[in-house]
Amino acid sequence: MATVPLESVLILAAILFVMGLVGVLIRRNIVFVLLSIEVMFNACGLAFVTAGWYLSRPAGQAMYFFILTAAAAEVAVGLGLILHMRRAFGTLDTDKIDQMKG
């Protein structure tokens, strides 16, 4: 059974993270920004699981559960904000929303 080298998986995780970061910085639609943040969370999870596999410890998988929990909380709060922004401003374009009131 062939195994994938550690460096290859970590490079893939880094590429995914950079793709998510570029999506956060370039996109204007808030839905796509949230999707890019999810890609970044998954890249971090892949790195943790790979490191845990390489070190033969379950800590990477345990950390991935925390990442999944944070991602679920981010989606719940993010969707609530998206609904509020759509009702209040009529758009999801981050450039057109110029004011946030508490």
PDB file of N, CA and C in Angstrom:
ATOM      1  N   MET A   1       0.837  -1.179   0.000  1.00  0.00           N
ATOM      2  CA  MET A   1       0.000   0.000   0.000  1.00  0.00           C
ATOM      3  C   MET A   1       0.881   1.241   0.000  1.00  0.00           C
ATOM      4  N   ALA A   2       0.703   2.067  -0.991  1.00  0.00           N
ATOM      5  CA  ALA A   2       1.504   3.279  -1.124  1.00  0.00           C
ATOM      6  C   ALA A   2       0.898   4.397  -0.267  1.00  0.00           C
ATOM      7  N   THR A   3       1.762   5.193   0.304  1.00  0.00           N
ATOM      8  CA  THR A   3       1.299   6.326   1.102  1.00  0.00           C
ATOM      9  C   THR A   3       1.692   7.625   0.403  1.00  0.00           C
ATOM     10  N   VAL A   4       0.936   8.636   0.675  1.00  0.00           N
ATOM     11  CA  VAL A   4       1.208   9.948   0.104  1.00  0.00           C
ATOM     12  C   VAL A   4       2.225  10.656   1.001  1.00  0.00           C
ATOM     13  N   PRO A   5       3.237  11.283   0.429  1.00  0.00           N
ATOM     14  CA  PRO A   5       4.236  11.984   1.257  1.00  0.00           C
ATOM     15  C   PRO A   5       3.611  13.148   2.033  1.00  0.00           C
ATOM     16  N   LEU A   6       4.151  13.383   3.202  1.00  0.00           N
ATOM     17  CA  LEU A   6       3.652  14.450   4.073  1.00  0.00           C
ATOM     18  C   LEU A   6       3.739  15.805   3.382  1.00  0.00           C
ATOM     19  N   GLU A   7       4.823  16.052   2.691  1.00  0.00           N
ATOM     20  CA  GLU A   7       5.022  17.349   2.045  1.00  0.00           C
ATOM     21  C   GLU A   7       3.947  17.622   0.993  1.00  0.00           C
ATOM     22  N   SER A   8       3.549  16.594   0.265  1.00  0.00           N
ATOM     23  CA  SER A   8       2.536  16.774  -0.783  1.00  0.00           C
ATOM     24  C   SER A   8       1.196  17.199  -0.196  1.00  0.00           C
ATOM     25  N   VAL A   9       0.810  16.571   0.896  1.00  0.00           N
ATOM     26  CA  VAL A   9      -0.476  16.907   1.508  1.00  0.00           C
ATOM     27  C   VAL A   9      -0.428  18.298   2.138  1.00  0.00           C
ATOM     28  N   LEU A  10       0.693  18.645   2.744  1.00  0.00           N
ATOM     29  CA  LEU A  10       0.804  19.977   3.339  1.00  0.00           C
ATOM     30  C   LEU A  10       0.848  21.063   2.268  1.00  0.00           C
ATOM     31  N   ILE A  11       1.438  20.758   1.121  1.00  0.00           N
ATOM     32  CA  ILE A  11       1.423  21.713   0.010  1.00  0.00           C
ATOM     33  C   ILE A  11      -0.001  21.891  -0.507  1.00  0.00           C
ATOM     34  N   LEU A  12      -0.749  20.782  -0.600  1.00  0.00           N
ATOM     35  CA  LEU A  12      -2.155  20.874  -1.003  1.00  0.00           C
ATOM     36  C   LEU A  12      -2.955  21.711  -0.016  1.00  0.00           C
ATOM     37  N   ALA A  13      -2.711  21.507   1.271  1.00  0.00           N
ATOM     38  CA  ALA A  13      -3.407  22.302   2.291  1.00  0.00           C
ATOM     39  C   ALA A  13      -3.044  23.783   2.164  1.00  0.00           C
ATOM     40  N   ALA A  14      -1.785  24.072   1.886  1.00  0.00           N
ATOM     41  CA  ALA A  14      -1.363  25.463   1.723  1.00  0.00           C
ATOM     42  C   ALA A  14      -2.010  26.088   0.492  1.00  0.00           C
ATOM     43  N   ILE A  15      -2.105  25.323  -0.606  1.00  0.00           N
ATOM     44  CA  ILE A  15      -2.745  25.837  -1.822  1.00  0.00           C
ATOM     45  C   ILE A  15      -4.225  26.112  -1.561  1.00  0.00           C
ATOM     46  N   LEU A  16      -4.890  25.199  -0.871  1.00  0.00           N
ATOM     47  CA  LEU A  16      -6.301  25.418  -0.540  1.00  0.00           C
ATOM     48  C   LEU A  16      -6.488  26.647   0.345  1.00  0.00           C
ATOM     49  N   PHE A  17      -5.591  26.814   1.305  1.00  0.00           N
ATOM     50  CA  PHE A  17      -5.686  27.967   2.201  1.00  0.00           C
ATOM     51  C   PHE A  17      -5.500  29.268   1.431  1.00  0.00           C
ATOM     52  N   VAL A  18      -4.526  29.293   0.534  1.00  0.00           N
ATOM     53  CA  VAL A  18      -4.282  30.504  -0.252  1.00  0.00           C
ATOM     54  C   VAL A  18      -5.459  30.786  -1.187  1.00  0.00           C
ATOM     55  N   MET A  19      -6.047  29.737  -1.756  1.00  0.00           N
ATOM     56  CA  MET A  19      -7.226  29.933  -2.603  1.00  0.00           C
ATOM     57  C   MET A  19      -8.375  30.543  -1.803  1.00  0.00           C
ATOM     58  N   GLY A  20      -8.580  30.062  -0.589  1.00  0.00           N
ATOM     59  CA  GLY A  20      -9.610  30.636   0.271  1.00  0.00           C
ATOM     60  C   GLY A  20      -9.308  32.075   0.637  1.00  0.00           C
ATOM     61  N   LEU A  21      -8.047  32.360   0.930  1.00  0.00           N
ATOM     62  CA  LEU A  21      -7.654  33.723   1.284  1.00  0.00           C
ATOM     63  C   LEU A  21      -7.862  34.675   0.110  1.00  0.00           C
ATOM     64  N   VAL A  22      -7.505  34.233  -1.078  1.00  0.00           N
ATOM     65  CA  VAL A  22      -7.727  35.056  -2.269  1.00  0.00           C
ATOM     66  C   VAL A  22      -9.225  35.286  -2.480  1.00  0.00           C
ATOM     67  N   GLY A  23     -10.029  34.254  -2.244  1.00  0.00           N
ATOM     68  CA  GLY A  23     -11.466  34.407  -2.366  1.00  0.00           C
ATOM     69  C   GLY A  23     -12.028  35.408  -1.377  1.00  0.00           C
ATOM     70  N   VAL A  24     -11.496  35.423  -0.181  1.00  0.00           N
ATOM     71  CA  VAL A  24     -11.955  36.392   0.826  1.00  0.00           C
ATOM     72  C   VAL A  24     -11.562  37.811   0.422  1.00  0.00           C
ATOM     73  N   LEU A  25     -10.367  37.965  -0.124  1.00  0.00           N
ATOM     74  CA  LEU A  25      -9.888  39.302  -0.456  1.00  0.00           C
ATOM     75  C   LEU A  25     -10.462  39.856  -1.756  1.00  0.00           C
ATOM     76  N   ILE A  26     -10.795  38.989  -2.707  1.00  0.00           N
ATOM     77  CA  ILE A  26     -11.224  39.458  -4.022  1.00  0.00           C
ATOM     78  C   ILE A  26     -12.737  39.538  -4.153  1.00  0.00           C
ATOM     79  N   ARG A  27     -13.449  38.557  -3.651  1.00  0.00           N
ATOM     80  CA  ARG A  27     -14.901  38.493  -3.858  1.00  0.00           C
ATOM     81  C   ARG A  27     -15.625  39.623  -3.154  1.00  0.00           C
ATOM     82  N   ARG A  28     -16.722  40.051  -3.749  1.00  0.00           N
ATOM     83  CA  ARG A  28     -17.542  41.104  -3.171  1.00  0.00           C
ATOM     84  C   ARG A  28     -18.835  40.558  -2.576  1.00  0.00           C
ATOM     85  N   ASN A  29     -19.294  39.423  -3.042  1.00  0.00           N
ATOM     86  CA  ASN A  29     -20.533  38.828  -2.539  1.00  0.00           C
ATOM     87  C   ASN A  29     -20.237  38.128  -1.220  1.00  0.00           C
ATOM     88  N   ILE A  30     -21.022  38.418  -0.209  1.00  0.00           N
ATOM     89  CA  ILE A  30     -20.760  37.894   1.132  1.00  0.00           C
ATOM     90  C   ILE A  30     -20.912  36.372   1.197  1.00  0.00           C
ATOM     91  N   VAL A  31     -21.750  35.790   0.346  1.00  0.00           N
ATOM     92  CA  VAL A  31     -21.905  34.332   0.329  1.00  0.00           C
ATOM     93  C   VAL A  31     -20.607  33.674  -0.130  1.00  0.00           C
ATOM     94  N   PHE A  32     -19.993  34.238  -1.162  1.00  0.00           N
ATOM     95  CA  PHE A  32     -18.733  33.687  -1.641  1.00  0.00           C
ATOM     96  C   PHE A  32     -17.601  33.894  -0.630  1.00  0.00           C
ATOM     97  N   VAL A  33     -17.666  34.978   0.107  1.00  0.00           N
ATOM     98  CA  VAL A  33     -16.674  35.200   1.165  1.00  0.00           C
ATOM     99  C   VAL A  33     -16.796  34.112   2.232  1.00  0.00           C
ATOM    100  N   LEU A  34     -18.022  33.783   2.626  1.00  0.00           N
ATOM    101  CA  LEU A  34     -18.221  32.719   3.619  1.00  0.00           C
ATOM    102  C   LEU A  34     -17.768  31.362   3.078  1.00  0.00           C
ATOM    103  N   LEU A  35     -18.016  31.098   1.801  1.00  0.00           N
ATOM    104  CA  LEU A  35     -17.540  29.849   1.203  1.00  0.00           C
ATOM    105  C   LEU A  35     -16.010  29.791   1.184  1.00  0.00           C
ATOM    106  N   SER A  36     -15.383  30.921   0.937  1.00  0.00           N
ATOM    107  CA  SER A  36     -13.917  30.958   0.944  1.00  0.00           C
ATOM    108  C   SER A  36     -13.369  30.717   2.347  1.00  0.00           C
ATOM    109  N   ILE A  37     -14.059  31.215   3.350  1.00  0.00           N
ATOM    110  CA  ILE A  37     -13.644  30.951   4.734  1.00  0.00           C
ATOM    111  C   ILE A  37     -13.785  29.467   5.046  1.00  0.00           C
ATOM    112  N   GLU A  38     -14.821  28.835   4.524  1.00  0.00           N
ATOM    113  CA  GLU A  38     -14.989  27.386   4.711  1.00  0.00           C
ATOM    114  C   GLU A  38     -13.845  26.611   4.066  1.00  0.00           C
ATOM    115  N   VAL A  39     -13.407  27.057   2.901  1.00  0.00           N
ATOM    116  CA  VAL A  39     -12.261  26.409   2.242  1.00  0.00           C
ATOM    117  C   VAL A  39     -11.011  26.553   3.107  1.00  0.00           C
ATOM    118  N   MET A  40     -10.843  27.709   3.725  1.00  0.00           N
ATOM    119  CA  MET A  40      -9.697  27.912   4.608  1.00  0.00           C
ATOM    120  C   MET A  40      -9.778  27.003   5.842  1.00  0.00           C
ATOM    121  N   PHE A  41     -10.971  26.854   6.408  1.00  0.00           N
ATOM    122  CA  PHE A  41     -11.142  25.934   7.537  1.00  0.00           C
ATOM    123  C   PHE A  41     -10.792  24.498   7.131  1.00  0.00           C
ATOM    124  N   ASN A  42     -11.243  24.083   5.958  1.00  0.00           N
ATOM    125  CA  ASN A  42     -10.951  22.725   5.507  1.00  0.00           C
ATOM    126  C   ASN A  42      -9.466  22.522   5.238  1.00  0.00           C
ATOM    127  N   ALA A  43      -8.787  23.546   4.763  1.00  0.00           N
ATOM    128  CA  ALA A  43      -7.346  23.441   4.557  1.00  0.00           C
ATOM    129  C   ALA A  43      -6.622  23.259   5.892  1.00  0.00           C
ATOM    130  N   CYS A  44      -7.048  23.994   6.896  1.00  0.00           N
ATOM    131  CA  CYS A  44      -6.453  23.828   8.232  1.00  0.00           C
ATOM    132  C   CYS A  44      -6.745  22.439   8.785  1.00  0.00           C
ATOM    133  N   GLY A  45      -7.958  21.965   8.586  1.00  0.00           N
ATOM    134  CA  GLY A  45      -8.314  20.623   9.043  1.00  0.00           C
ATOM    135  C   GLY A  45      -7.482  19.553   8.365  1.00  0.00           C
ATOM    136  N   LEU A  46      -7.262  19.712   7.059  1.00  0.00           N
ATOM    137  CA  LEU A  46      -6.424  18.756   6.332  1.00  0.00           C
ATOM    138  C   LEU A  46      -5.007  18.746   6.873  1.00  0.00           C
ATOM    139  N   ALA A  47      -4.473  19.906   7.189  1.00  0.00           N
ATOM    140  CA  ALA A  47      -3.120  19.982   7.742  1.00  0.00           C
ATOM    141  C   ALA A  47      -3.053  19.314   9.121  1.00  0.00           C
ATOM    142  N   PHE A  48      -4.054  19.538   9.964  1.00  0.00           N
ATOM    143  CA  PHE A  48      -4.052  18.921  11.290  1.00  0.00           C
ATOM    144  C   PHE A  48      -4.183  17.404  11.207  1.00  0.00           C
ATOM    145  N   VAL A  49      -5.077  16.914  10.369  1.00  0.00           N
ATOM    146  CA  VAL A  49      -5.257  15.473  10.245  1.00  0.00           C
ATOM    147  C   VAL A  49      -4.001  14.824   9.674  1.00  0.00           C
ATOM    148  N   THR A  50      -3.379  15.465   8.719  1.00  0.00           N
ATOM    149  CA  THR A  50      -2.147  14.934   8.130  1.00  0.00           C
ATOM    150  C   THR A  50      -1.020  14.898   9.153  1.00  0.00           C
ATOM    151  N   ALA A  51      -0.885  15.962   9.924  1.00  0.00           N
ATOM    152  CA  ALA A  51       0.162  15.979  10.952  1.00  0.00           C
ATOM    153  C   ALA A  51      -0.098  14.916  12.016  1.00  0.00           C
ATOM    154  N   GLY A  52      -1.356  14.736  12.397  1.00  0.00           N
ATOM    155  CA  GLY A  52      -1.682  13.689  13.363  1.00  0.00           C
ATOM    156  C   GLY A  52      -1.405  12.303  12.819  1.00  0.00           C
ATOM    157  N   TRP A  53      -1.694  12.093  11.534  1.00  0.00           N
ATOM    158  CA  TRP A  53      -1.396  10.796  10.916  1.00  0.00           C
ATOM    159  C   TRP A  53       0.107  10.567  10.863  1.00  0.00           C
ATOM    160  N   TYR A  54       0.856  11.606  10.519  1.00  0.00           N
ATOM    161  CA  TYR A  54       2.313  11.468  10.404  1.00  0.00           C
ATOM    162  C   TYR A  54       2.947  11.186  11.757  1.00  0.00           C
ATOM    163  N   LEU A  55       2.427  11.778  12.808  1.00  0.00           N
ATOM    164  CA  LEU A  55       2.973  11.577  14.153  1.00  0.00           C
ATOM    165  C   LEU A  55       2.340  10.394  14.874  1.00  0.00           C
ATOM    166  N   SER A  56       1.385   9.726  14.233  1.00  0.00           N
ATOM    167  CA  SER A  56       0.670   8.575  14.812  1.00  0.00           C
ATOM    168  C   SER A  56      -0.026   8.941  16.120  1.00  0.00           C
ATOM    169  N   ARG A  57      -0.651  10.094  16.129  1.00  0.00           N
ATOM    170  CA  ARG A  57      -1.387  10.560  17.300  1.00  0.00           C
ATOM    171  C   ARG A  57      -2.783  10.995  16.876  1.00  0.00           C
ATOM    172  N   PRO A  58      -3.770  10.782  17.729  1.00  0.00           N
ATOM    173  CA  PRO A  58      -5.138  11.188  17.375  1.00  0.00           C
ATOM    174  C   PRO A  58      -5.418  12.673  17.614  1.00  0.00           C
ATOM    175  N   ALA A  59      -4.419  13.431  18.012  1.00  0.00           N
ATOM    176  CA  ALA A  59      -4.633  14.848  18.314  1.00  0.00           C
ATOM    177  C   ALA A  59      -5.060  15.631  17.078  1.00  0.00           C
ATOM    178  N   GLY A  60      -4.576  15.264  15.907  1.00  0.00           N
ATOM    179  CA  GLY A  60      -4.969  15.954  14.680  1.00  0.00           C
ATOM    180  C   GLY A  60      -6.439  15.770  14.370  1.00  0.00           C
ATOM    181  N   GLN A  61      -6.934  14.565  14.593  1.00  0.00           N
ATOM    182  CA  GLN A  61      -8.356  14.313  14.353  1.00  0.00           C
ATOM    183  C   GLN A  61      -9.212  15.017  15.396  1.00  0.00           C
ATOM    184  N   ALA A  62      -8.749  15.063  16.630  1.00  0.00           N
ATOM    185  CA  ALA A  62      -9.486  15.779  17.669  1.00  0.00           C
ATOM    186  C   ALA A  62      -9.535  17.277  17.349  1.00  0.00           C
ATOM    187  N   MET A  63      -8.431  17.801  16.851  1.00  0.00           N
ATOM    188  CA  MET A  63      -8.413  19.215  16.478  1.00  0.00           C
ATOM    189  C   MET A  63      -9.350  19.487  15.313  1.00  0.00           C
ATOM    190  N   TYR A  64      -9.489  18.516  14.412  1.00  0.00           N
ATOM    191  CA  TYR A  64     -10.397  18.681  13.282  1.00  0.00           C
ATOM    192  C   TYR A  64     -11.846  18.786  13.750  1.00  0.00           C
ATOM    193  N   PHE A  65     -12.203  18.076  14.817  1.00  0.00           N
ATOM    194  CA  PHE A  65     -13.553  18.219  15.369  1.00  0.00           C
ATOM    195  C   PHE A  65     -13.792  19.635  15.877  1.00  0.00           C
ATOM    196  N   PHE A  66     -12.779  20.254  16.486  1.00  0.00           N
ATOM    197  CA  PHE A  66     -12.912  21.639  16.918  1.00  0.00           C
ATOM    198  C   PHE A  66     -13.058  22.576  15.720  1.00  0.00           C
ATOM    199  N   ILE A  67     -12.326  22.288  14.649  1.00  0.00           N
ATOM    200  CA  ILE A  67     -12.436  23.098  13.437  1.00  0.00           C
ATOM    201  C   ILE A  67     -13.831  22.965  12.847  1.00  0.00           C
ATOM    202  N   LEU A  68     -14.384  21.745  12.828  1.00  0.00           N
ATOM    203  CA  LEU A  68     -15.746  21.550  12.333  1.00  0.00           C
ATOM    204  C   LEU A  68     -16.759  22.308  13.174  1.00  0.00           C
ATOM    205  N   THR A  69     -16.549  22.326  14.483  1.00  0.00           N
ATOM    206  CA  THR A  69     -17.443  23.066  15.372  1.00  0.00           C
ATOM    207  C   THR A  69     -17.375  24.559  15.086  1.00  0.00           C
ATOM    208  N   ALA A  70     -16.167  25.082  14.904  1.00  0.00           N
ATOM    209  CA  ALA A  70     -16.012  26.504  14.584  1.00  0.00           C
ATOM    210  C   ALA A  70     -16.634  26.831  13.230  1.00  0.00           C
ATOM    211  N   ALA A  71     -16.487  25.925  12.264  1.00  0.00           N
ATOM    212  CA  ALA A  71     -17.070  26.144  10.941  1.00  0.00           C
ATOM    213  C   ALA A  71     -18.593  26.149  11.011  1.00  0.00           C
ATOM    214  N   ALA A  72     -19.162  25.261  11.802  1.00  0.00           N
ATOM    215  CA  ALA A  72     -20.619  25.224  11.943  1.00  0.00           C
ATOM    216  C   ALA A  72     -21.132  26.500  12.615  1.00  0.00           C
ATOM    217  N   ALA A  73     -20.419  26.977  13.613  1.00  0.00           N
ATOM    218  CA  ALA A  73     -20.816  28.224  14.269  1.00  0.00           C
ATOM    219  C   ALA A  73     -20.691  29.402  13.307  1.00  0.00           C
ATOM    220  N   GLU A  74     -19.651  29.391  12.502  1.00  0.00           N
ATOM    221  CA  GLU A  74     -19.452  30.462  11.520  1.00  0.00           C
ATOM    222  C   GLU A  74     -20.577  30.479  10.495  1.00  0.00           C
ATOM    223  N   VAL A  75     -21.004  29.312  10.067  1.00  0.00           N
ATOM    224  CA  VAL A  75     -22.098  29.230   9.099  1.00  0.00           C
ATOM    225  C   VAL A  75     -23.396  29.730   9.730  1.00  0.00           C
ATOM    226  N   ALA A  76     -23.671  29.343  10.950  1.00  0.00           N
ATOM    227  CA  ALA A  76     -24.906  29.760  11.610  1.00  0.00           C
ATOM    228  C   ALA A  76     -24.949  31.277  11.791  1.00  0.00           C
ATOM    229  N   VAL A  77     -23.879  31.842  12.283  1.00  0.00           N
ATOM    230  CA  VAL A  77     -23.838  33.292  12.478  1.00  0.00           C
ATOM    231  C   VAL A  77     -23.796  34.007  11.133  1.00  0.00           C
ATOM    232  N   GLY A  78     -23.019  33.477  10.199  1.00  0.00           N
ATOM    233  CA  GLY A  78     -22.901  34.099   8.882  1.00  0.00           C
ATOM    234  C   GLY A  78     -24.205  34.125   8.123  1.00  0.00           C
ATOM    235  N   LEU A  79     -24.958  33.042   8.154  1.00  0.00           N
ATOM    236  CA  LEU A  79     -26.243  33.032   7.458  1.00  0.00           C
ATOM    237  C   LEU A  79     -27.233  33.999   8.091  1.00  0.00           C
ATOM    238  N   GLY A  80     -27.179  34.116   9.407  1.00  0.00           N
ATOM    239  CA  GLY A  80     -28.022  35.111  10.074  1.00  0.00           C
ATOM    240  C   GLY A  80     -27.661  36.521   9.648  1.00  0.00           C
ATOM    241  N   LEU A  81     -26.371  36.802   9.550  1.00  0.00           N
ATOM    242  CA  LEU A  81     -25.940  38.128   9.089  1.00  0.00           C
ATOM    243  C   LEU A  81     -26.320  38.371   7.633  1.00  0.00           C
ATOM    244  N   ILE A  82     -26.212  37.329   6.820  1.00  0.00           N
ATOM    245  CA  ILE A  82     -26.584  37.462   5.411  1.00  0.00           C
ATOM    246  C   ILE A  82     -28.064  37.803   5.280  1.00  0.00           C
ATOM    247  N   LEU A  83     -28.912  37.113   6.020  1.00  0.00           N
ATOM    248  CA  LEU A  83     -30.347  37.405   5.964  1.00  0.00           C
ATOM    249  C   LEU A  83     -30.646  38.824   6.426  1.00  0.00           C
ATOM    250  N   HIS A  84     -29.977  39.246   7.489  1.00  0.00           N
ATOM    251  CA  HIS A  84     -30.192  40.597   7.992  1.00  0.00           C
ATOM    252  C   HIS A  84     -29.708  41.644   6.985  1.00  0.00           C
ATOM    253  N   MET A  85     -28.551  41.424   6.384  1.00  0.00           N
ATOM    254  CA  MET A  85     -28.022  42.375   5.414  1.00  0.00           C
ATOM    255  C   MET A  85     -28.902  42.449   4.175  1.00  0.00           C
ATOM    256  N   ARG A  86     -29.435  41.319   3.745  1.00  0.00           N
ATOM    257  CA  ARG A  86     -30.312  41.310   2.570  1.00  0.00           C
ATOM    258  C   ARG A  86     -31.601  42.092   2.851  1.00  0.00           C
ATOM    259  N   ARG A  87     -32.157  41.926   4.049  1.00  0.00           N
ATOM    260  CA  ARG A  87     -33.376  42.646   4.401  1.00  0.00           C
ATOM    261  C   ARG A  87     -33.116  44.144   4.594  1.00  0.00           C
ATOM    262  N   ALA A  88     -32.005  44.465   5.236  1.00  0.00           N
ATOM    263  CA  ALA A  88     -31.735  45.858   5.561  1.00  0.00           C
ATOM    264  C   ALA A  88     -31.258  46.670   4.363  1.00  0.00           C
ATOM    265  N   PHE A  89     -30.408  46.081   3.520  1.00  0.00           N
ATOM    266  CA  PHE A  89     -29.791  46.833   2.443  1.00  0.00           C
ATOM    267  C   PHE A  89     -30.274  46.422   1.051  1.00  0.00           C
ATOM    268  N   GLY A  90     -30.883  45.265   0.929  1.00  0.00           N
ATOM    269  CA  GLY A  90     -31.367  44.811  -0.366  1.00  0.00           C
ATOM    270  C   GLY A  90     -30.303  44.230  -1.269  1.00  0.00           C
ATOM    271  N   THR A  91     -29.106  44.078  -0.777  1.00  0.00           N
ATOM    272  CA  THR A  91     -28.018  43.529  -1.579  1.00  0.00           C
ATOM    273  C   THR A  91     -27.070  42.742  -0.679  1.00  0.00           C
ATOM    274  N   LEU A  92     -26.259  41.887  -1.313  1.00  0.00           N
ATOM    275  CA  LEU A  92     -25.226  41.153  -0.585  1.00  0.00           C
ATOM    276  C   LEU A  92     -23.834  41.578  -1.019  1.00  0.00           C
ATOM    277  N   ASP A  93     -23.745  42.640  -1.802  1.00  0.00           N
ATOM    278  CA  ASP A  93     -22.470  43.165  -2.265  1.00  0.00           C
ATOM    279  C   ASP A  93     -21.823  43.959  -1.139  1.00  0.00           C
ATOM    280  N   THR A  94     -20.616  43.573  -0.756  1.00  0.00           N
ATOM    281  CA  THR A  94     -19.960  44.221   0.378  1.00  0.00           C
ATOM    282  C   THR A  94     -19.535  45.649   0.069  1.00  0.00           C
ATOM    283  N   ASP A  95     -19.357  45.985  -1.209  1.00  0.00           N
ATOM    284  CA  ASP A  95     -18.987  47.363  -1.547  1.00  0.00           C
ATOM    285  C   ASP A  95     -20.169  48.318  -1.416  1.00  0.00           C
ATOM    286  N   LYS A  96     -21.376  47.827  -1.648  1.00  0.00           N
ATOM    287  CA  LYS A  96     -22.557  48.685  -1.595  1.00  0.00           C
ATOM    288  C   LYS A  96     -23.076  48.889  -0.179  1.00  0.00           C
ATOM    289  N   ILE A  97     -22.663  48.044   0.728  1.00  0.00           N
ATOM    290  CA  ILE A  97     -23.078  48.191   2.126  1.00  0.00           C
ATOM    291  C   ILE A  97     -22.034  49.074   2.803  1.00  0.00           C
ATOM    292  N   ASP A  98     -22.382  50.321   3.028  1.00  0.00           N
ATOM    293  CA  ASP A  98     -21.396  51.259   3.544  1.00  0.00           C
ATOM    294  C   ASP A  98     -21.597  51.630   5.005  1.00  0.00           C
ATOM    295  N   GLN A  99     -22.634  51.116   5.611  1.00  0.00           N
ATOM    296  CA  GLN A  99     -22.861  51.438   7.016  1.00  0.00           C
ATOM    297  C   GLN A  99     -23.333  50.215   7.780  1.00  0.00           C
ATOM    298  N   MET A 100     -22.833  50.085   8.973  1.00  0.00           N
ATOM    299  CA  MET A 100     -23.264  49.018   9.869  1.00  0.00           C
ATOM    300  C   MET A 100     -23.631  49.694  11.182  1.00  0.00           C
ATOM    301  N   LYS A 101     -24.867  49.524  11.591  1.00  0.00           N
ATOM    302  CA  LYS A 101     -25.329  50.129  12.841  1.00  0.00           C
ATOM    303  C   LYS A 101     -25.543  49.040  13.867  1.00  0.00           C
ATOM    304  N   GLY A 102     -25.213  49.342  15.124  1.00  0.00           N
ATOM    305  CA  GLY A 102     -25.355  48.372  16.192  1.00  0.00           C
ATOM    306  C   GLY A 102     -26.721  48.303  16.772  1.00  0.00           C
TER     307      GLY A 102
END
